[in-house]
Amino acid sequence: MDSTTNNAVINGVVNQIYGKGLDATDSAEKPDQYAQMKSLVKPHDLRNVCQDLKLLGEAAFQITYNGNKISAITHFPRETLRAEKMNDNGEVKNYFYSA
């Protein structure tokens, strides 16, 4: 991003998408699950996902499991993912990683 004006506009939109970060409407009723969610999704990962959403029109999280429990939710750079061709029903079944 060479243009300072373009950079400022993009950062402004990313800040609007990010807002106050991740929250839940039922956090008071489910404080344990809310705390777990907040510990799994780090603010910098959420901000990077918001930036991908603005710049690329889509974004991705990588969900890491330890056994059958989620151990981490991190930003996955969307520019490294490619969708395969749609099937006859118009669905994309797989994505491929390209470094």
N, C-alpha and C. Protein backbone atom coordinates (compact mmCIF):
# COMPACT_ATOMS: atom_id res chain seq x y z
N MET A 1 0.84 -1.17 0.00
CA MET A 1 0.00 0.00 0.00
C MET A 1 0.89 1.23 0.00
N ASP A 2 1.08 1.80 -1.16
CA ASP A 2 1.97 2.93 -1.30
C ASP A 2 1.30 4.25 -0.93
N SER A 3 0.01 4.37 -1.16
CA SER A 3 -0.69 5.62 -0.92
C SER A 3 -1.07 5.74 0.56
N THR A 4 -0.67 6.83 1.19
CA THR A 4 -1.02 7.03 2.60
C THR A 4 -2.51 7.24 2.76
N THR A 5 -3.15 7.88 1.78
CA THR A 5 -4.60 8.10 1.85
C THR A 5 -5.33 6.77 1.75
N ASN A 6 -4.95 5.94 0.79
CA ASN A 6 -5.56 4.63 0.63
C ASN A 6 -5.35 3.79 1.88
N ASN A 7 -4.14 3.83 2.43
CA ASN A 7 -3.83 3.08 3.64
C ASN A 7 -4.70 3.55 4.81
N ALA A 8 -4.88 4.85 4.95
CA ALA A 8 -5.70 5.39 6.03
C ALA A 8 -7.16 4.98 5.88
N VAL A 9 -7.67 4.99 4.65
CA VAL A 9 -9.06 4.59 4.41
C VAL A 9 -9.24 3.11 4.74
N ILE A 10 -8.32 2.27 4.26
CA ILE A 10 -8.41 0.83 4.54
C ILE A 10 -8.33 0.57 6.03
N ASN A 11 -7.38 1.20 6.72
CA ASN A 11 -7.26 1.01 8.17
C ASN A 11 -8.51 1.49 8.89
N GLY A 12 -9.11 2.58 8.42
CA GLY A 12 -10.35 3.07 9.03
C GLY A 12 -11.49 2.08 8.89
N VAL A 13 -11.62 1.48 7.71
CA VAL A 13 -12.68 0.49 7.49
C VAL A 13 -12.41 -0.76 8.33
N VAL A 14 -11.15 -1.19 8.38
CA VAL A 14 -10.79 -2.36 9.21
C VAL A 14 -11.13 -2.08 10.67
N ASN A 15 -10.84 -0.88 11.15
CA ASN A 15 -11.18 -0.52 12.53
C ASN A 15 -12.68 -0.53 12.76
N GLN A 16 -13.46 -0.12 11.76
CA GLN A 16 -14.92 -0.17 11.89
C GLN A 16 -15.43 -1.60 11.92
N ILE A 17 -14.86 -2.46 11.09
CA ILE A 17 -15.26 -3.87 11.11
C ILE A 17 -14.90 -4.50 12.45
N TYR A 18 -13.69 -4.23 12.92
CA TYR A 18 -13.21 -4.79 14.19
C TYR A 18 -14.03 -4.27 15.37
N GLY A 19 -14.37 -2.99 15.33
CA GLY A 19 -15.17 -2.39 16.40
C GLY A 19 -14.49 -2.50 17.75
N LYS A 20 -15.21 -3.05 18.71
CA LYS A 20 -14.67 -3.25 20.05
C LYS A 20 -14.17 -4.68 20.24
N GLY A 21 -14.01 -5.40 19.14
CA GLY A 21 -13.51 -6.77 19.22
C GLY A 21 -14.65 -7.77 19.25
N LEU A 22 -14.34 -8.94 19.73
CA LEU A 22 -15.30 -10.04 19.77
C LEU A 22 -16.12 -9.98 21.05
N ASP A 23 -17.43 -10.15 20.92
CA ASP A 23 -18.31 -10.13 22.08
C ASP A 23 -19.44 -11.12 21.84
N ALA A 24 -20.25 -11.34 22.86
CA ALA A 24 -21.39 -12.26 22.75
C ALA A 24 -22.58 -11.65 23.47
N THR A 25 -23.76 -11.84 22.89
CA THR A 25 -24.97 -11.29 23.51
C THR A 25 -25.37 -12.05 24.77
N ASP A 26 -24.92 -13.29 24.91
CA ASP A 26 -25.29 -14.09 26.09
C ASP A 26 -24.11 -14.30 27.04
N SER A 27 -23.17 -13.36 27.04
CA SER A 27 -21.98 -13.51 27.88
C SER A 27 -22.32 -13.53 29.38
N ALA A 28 -23.38 -12.85 29.79
CA ALA A 28 -23.76 -12.84 31.20
C ALA A 28 -24.35 -14.19 31.62
N GLU A 29 -25.07 -14.85 30.71
CA GLU A 29 -25.67 -16.14 31.04
C GLU A 29 -24.67 -17.29 30.96
N LYS A 30 -23.64 -17.13 30.14
CA LYS A 30 -22.66 -18.21 29.93
C LYS A 30 -21.24 -17.66 30.09
N PRO A 31 -20.88 -17.25 31.30
CA PRO A 31 -19.57 -16.62 31.49
C PRO A 31 -18.38 -17.55 31.22
N ASP A 32 -18.53 -18.85 31.51
CA ASP A 32 -17.42 -19.78 31.27
C ASP A 32 -17.13 -19.94 29.78
N GLN A 33 -18.20 -20.12 28.99
CA GLN A 33 -18.02 -20.25 27.54
C GLN A 33 -17.50 -18.95 26.94
N TYR A 34 -17.97 -17.82 27.47
CA TYR A 34 -17.51 -16.52 26.98
C TYR A 34 -16.01 -16.34 27.24
N ALA A 35 -15.57 -16.68 28.44
CA ALA A 35 -14.15 -16.57 28.78
C ALA A 35 -13.31 -17.51 27.91
N GLN A 36 -13.83 -18.70 27.63
CA GLN A 36 -13.11 -19.64 26.78
C GLN A 36 -12.99 -19.09 25.36
N MET A 37 -14.08 -18.52 24.84
CA MET A 37 -14.05 -17.93 23.50
C MET A 37 -13.03 -16.79 23.43
N LYS A 38 -13.04 -15.93 24.43
CA LYS A 38 -12.12 -14.79 24.45
C LYS A 38 -10.66 -15.26 24.53
N SER A 39 -10.42 -16.38 25.21
CA SER A 39 -9.04 -16.87 25.32
C SER A 39 -8.59 -17.56 24.04
N LEU A 40 -9.52 -18.09 23.25
CA LEU A 40 -9.17 -18.79 22.01
C LEU A 40 -8.91 -17.84 20.85
N VAL A 41 -9.66 -16.76 20.77
CA VAL A 41 -9.54 -15.81 19.65
C VAL A 41 -8.79 -14.58 20.15
N LYS A 42 -7.54 -14.45 19.73
CA LYS A 42 -6.71 -13.32 20.14
C LYS A 42 -7.05 -12.08 19.32
N PRO A 43 -6.95 -10.89 19.93
CA PRO A 43 -7.29 -9.65 19.21
C PRO A 43 -6.52 -9.45 17.90
N HIS A 44 -5.23 -9.79 17.87
CA HIS A 44 -4.46 -9.58 16.63
C HIS A 44 -4.94 -10.52 15.52
N ASP A 45 -5.36 -11.74 15.88
CA ASP A 45 -5.90 -12.65 14.87
C ASP A 45 -7.22 -12.14 14.33
N LEU A 46 -8.07 -11.63 15.21
CA LEU A 46 -9.36 -11.09 14.77
C LEU A 46 -9.15 -9.86 13.88
N ARG A 47 -8.21 -9.00 14.25
CA ARG A 47 -7.93 -7.81 13.43
C ARG A 47 -7.40 -8.22 12.04
N ASN A 48 -6.54 -9.24 11.99
CA ASN A 48 -6.03 -9.72 10.70
C ASN A 48 -7.15 -10.31 9.84
N VAL A 49 -8.09 -10.99 10.47
CA VAL A 49 -9.24 -11.53 9.73
C VAL A 49 -10.08 -10.38 9.19
N CYS A 50 -10.27 -9.33 9.99
CA CYS A 50 -11.01 -8.16 9.52
C CYS A 50 -10.31 -7.49 8.35
N GLN A 51 -8.98 -7.44 8.39
CA GLN A 51 -8.23 -6.84 7.29
C GLN A 51 -8.36 -7.67 6.01
N ASP A 52 -8.29 -9.00 6.13
CA ASP A 52 -8.50 -9.86 4.96
C ASP A 52 -9.90 -9.66 4.39
N LEU A 53 -10.88 -9.54 5.28
CA LEU A 53 -12.25 -9.34 4.83
C LEU A 53 -12.37 -8.06 4.01
N LYS A 54 -11.72 -6.99 4.46
CA LYS A 54 -11.77 -5.73 3.73
C LYS A 54 -11.00 -5.80 2.41
N LEU A 55 -9.79 -6.33 2.46
CA LEU A 55 -8.93 -6.31 1.28
C LEU A 55 -9.31 -7.37 0.24
N LEU A 56 -9.73 -8.54 0.70
CA LEU A 56 -9.96 -9.67 -0.21
C LEU A 56 -11.43 -10.04 -0.37
N GLY A 57 -12.29 -9.50 0.50
CA GLY A 57 -13.71 -9.82 0.42
C GLY A 57 -14.07 -11.11 1.12
N GLU A 58 -13.10 -11.79 1.72
CA GLU A 58 -13.34 -13.01 2.48
C GLU A 58 -12.17 -13.22 3.43
N ALA A 59 -12.40 -14.05 4.43
CA ALA A 59 -11.38 -14.27 5.45
C ALA A 59 -11.51 -15.69 5.97
N ALA A 60 -10.48 -16.14 6.70
CA ALA A 60 -10.49 -17.51 7.21
C ALA A 60 -9.83 -17.58 8.58
N PHE A 61 -10.40 -18.42 9.42
CA PHE A 61 -9.80 -18.79 10.70
C PHE A 61 -9.26 -20.21 10.55
N GLN A 62 -8.18 -20.51 11.25
CA GLN A 62 -7.70 -21.88 11.35
C GLN A 62 -8.07 -22.39 12.73
N ILE A 63 -8.80 -23.49 12.78
CA ILE A 63 -9.22 -24.10 14.04
C ILE A 63 -8.28 -25.26 14.31
N THR A 64 -7.60 -25.22 15.46
CA THR A 64 -6.67 -26.28 15.85
C THR A 64 -7.30 -27.08 16.98
N TYR A 65 -7.33 -28.39 16.79
CA TYR A 65 -7.91 -29.29 17.78
C TYR A 65 -6.83 -30.04 18.54
N ASN A 66 -7.12 -30.33 19.79
CA ASN A 66 -6.31 -31.21 20.61
C ASN A 66 -7.27 -32.30 21.08
N GLY A 67 -7.23 -33.43 20.41
CA GLY A 67 -8.24 -34.46 20.67
C GLY A 67 -9.55 -34.00 20.05
N ASN A 68 -10.59 -33.91 20.85
CA ASN A 68 -11.87 -33.42 20.33
C ASN A 68 -12.22 -32.03 20.86
N LYS A 69 -11.23 -31.34 21.44
CA LYS A 69 -11.44 -29.98 21.95
C LYS A 69 -10.67 -28.98 21.10
N ILE A 70 -11.24 -27.81 20.94
CA ILE A 70 -10.55 -26.73 20.23
C ILE A 70 -9.46 -26.18 21.13
N SER A 71 -8.22 -26.14 20.62
CA SER A 71 -7.12 -25.62 21.42
C SER A 71 -6.68 -24.23 20.98
N ALA A 72 -6.99 -23.85 19.73
CA ALA A 72 -6.61 -22.52 19.25
C ALA A 72 -7.45 -22.13 18.04
N ILE A 73 -7.71 -20.84 17.93
CA ILE A 73 -8.36 -20.27 16.75
C ILE A 73 -7.47 -19.12 16.30
N THR A 74 -6.89 -19.26 15.11
CA THR A 74 -5.94 -18.26 14.63
C THR A 74 -6.32 -17.80 13.23
N HIS A 75 -5.77 -16.66 12.86
CA HIS A 75 -5.96 -16.13 11.51
C HIS A 75 -5.25 -17.03 10.51
N PHE A 76 -5.93 -17.33 9.42
CA PHE A 76 -5.31 -18.09 8.33
C PHE A 76 -5.29 -17.17 7.12
N PRO A 77 -4.12 -16.81 6.62
CA PRO A 77 -4.04 -15.86 5.50
C PRO A 77 -4.83 -16.35 4.29
N ARG A 78 -5.88 -15.65 3.96
CA ARG A 78 -6.79 -16.06 2.89
C ARG A 78 -6.10 -16.09 1.53
N GLU A 79 -5.06 -15.28 1.36
CA GLU A 79 -4.39 -15.27 0.06
C GLU A 79 -3.62 -16.56 -0.21
N THR A 80 -3.49 -17.43 0.80
CA THR A 80 -2.80 -18.71 0.61
C THR A 80 -3.76 -19.87 0.36
N LEU A 81 -5.06 -19.61 0.32
CA LEU A 81 -6.06 -20.66 0.08
C LEU A 81 -6.64 -20.53 -1.31
N ARG A 82 -6.87 -21.66 -1.95
CA ARG A 82 -7.51 -21.69 -3.26
C ARG A 82 -8.63 -22.72 -3.23
N ALA A 83 -9.77 -22.34 -3.76
CA ALA A 83 -10.91 -23.25 -3.81
C ALA A 83 -10.80 -24.15 -5.03
N GLU A 84 -11.26 -25.40 -4.86
CA GLU A 84 -11.33 -26.27 -6.03
C GLU A 84 -12.56 -25.89 -6.85
N LYS A 85 -12.73 -26.50 -8.00
CA LYS A 85 -13.89 -26.22 -8.84
C LYS A 85 -15.16 -26.66 -8.12
N MET A 86 -16.25 -25.94 -8.38
CA MET A 86 -17.54 -26.31 -7.79
C MET A 86 -18.02 -27.63 -8.38
N ASN A 87 -18.78 -28.37 -7.55
CA ASN A 87 -19.37 -29.60 -8.05
C ASN A 87 -20.66 -29.27 -8.81
N ASP A 88 -21.39 -30.29 -9.22
CA ASP A 88 -22.61 -30.08 -10.01
C ASP A 88 -23.69 -29.32 -9.24
N ASN A 89 -23.62 -29.35 -7.90
CA ASN A 89 -24.59 -28.64 -7.07
C ASN A 89 -24.15 -27.21 -6.77
N GLY A 90 -23.03 -26.79 -7.32
CA GLY A 90 -22.53 -25.44 -7.08
C GLY A 90 -21.82 -25.28 -5.76
N GLU A 91 -21.37 -26.39 -5.16
CA GLU A 91 -20.70 -26.34 -3.86
C GLU A 91 -19.19 -26.53 -4.04
N VAL A 92 -18.44 -25.82 -3.22
CA VAL A 92 -16.99 -26.02 -3.16
C VAL A 92 -16.74 -26.94 -1.97
N LYS A 93 -16.19 -28.10 -2.23
CA LYS A 93 -15.98 -29.10 -1.17
C LYS A 93 -14.61 -29.00 -0.51
N ASN A 94 -13.60 -28.53 -1.25
CA ASN A 94 -12.24 -28.51 -0.72
C ASN A 94 -11.53 -27.21 -1.05
N TYR A 95 -10.59 -26.87 -0.19
CA TYR A 95 -9.69 -25.75 -0.41
C TYR A 95 -8.27 -26.28 -0.37
N PHE A 96 -7.38 -25.65 -1.12
CA PHE A 96 -5.99 -26.06 -1.16
C PHE A 96 -5.12 -24.93 -0.64
N TYR A 97 -4.07 -25.32 0.09
CA TYR A 97 -3.12 -24.36 0.65
C TYR A 97 -1.95 -24.20 -0.31
N SER A 98 -1.59 -22.97 -0.59
CA SER A 98 -0.42 -22.71 -1.43
C SER A 98 0.47 -21.70 -0.72
N ALA A 99 1.69 -22.12 -0.44
CA ALA A 99 2.60 -21.26 0.32
C ALA A 99 3.20 -20.19 -0.54
